[in-house]
Structures are given as C-alpha cells and as structure tokens.
Amino acid sequence: MINLKRVEENLKDFEKFSATPGNGCSRLAFSKEIKDAGYKLVELMEDANLEVTKDLCGNIFGIRKGKDSSKAAMMDEKLMDMMENIAEKKNYSYYILPSGAGHDTMIISKYHPTAMIFVPSINGRSHSPEEFTPYNCFEKAIDVLYELVISLE
C-alpha cells in the first residue's frame, strides 16, 4: 500500500534540491555529486565486465556482450491503456510518445510489465541546465501513477 502522506512529504523535501524560479524543477545532472556518482557507476559496470557507453545526454549504459541491445523496449499495452483511461477520466491532456531514448525500461521490460510517464519540459529542453518543468505537470503525472498503482492492487 502506498503511503501518500509520506510520498508528499518526500516530494516537498526533494523540491528544495532542484527548485528553480517560477515553481519549477531542474535536474541536478551537471552537479559534481552526480558526475562523481556516474564515474562510480561506470567503474562498477566495468568491474562487472559490461561494455559501457554514454550518450550525448549523459545517460550511461552497461551492456553485457552477446546481448542484442538494438531492440526497443516494448511497453505493456494493458498498463498504457489503464494510464490513458485515467488521464481521460481526469481530463488531462496526453499523447502516446514513442521514445528511442535509453531508459531503465530497456532492461526491466524484459522481466516485468512496464510503462513510462513523461512530463513536458518548457521549450522541449531536457537533460540540460535549461530544463524546466512546472510542478503542476509533475502533480498530474504523479496523480496518474498513483491511480495506476492503486488500481493494480
């Protein structure tokens, strides 16, 4: 069972780390701490004999040789339908977005039903210091995710 109060409290604490003027949020992807964590991740992946690559956005990938990493991750149609129904019920605007980006779902979707929720960034800026997403967009995404999770219980 999701403890909604705890989630809300944690989100309020998290907001402080990446708050921007105008009630938005930015990623900390360019901070020294995140870069150091990335270096450590690469070290661990290399120690596990993974082939490590990094894309232009800074996403780090560890691929075990012999696996076909070119196949796109397939999202679970049932979860996608459920999220679509929730968004429609709440009168939230949405669209289905095929993503060629590398995400955890590339691995997880092979073992578990998986779907993703994206939030819009102002001017389409993502994974950069200029990234800005208003909190009300996060609110709606969290609302859809919450409704999805409680409907799966």
Foldseek 3Di string as FASTA:
>chain_A
DDPVVVVVVVVVVVCVVAPDPPQWGADPCPPPVNVVVVVVVVVVLVVVVFDWDADPLGDIDTHHPPDDLPDDQDAAPVLVVLLVVVCVVVVHDDDDDDDPDDDPSSPCSVPDHHDDDDFAWVVNDDSDRNTIGHVVSVVVVVVSVVVSVVVVD
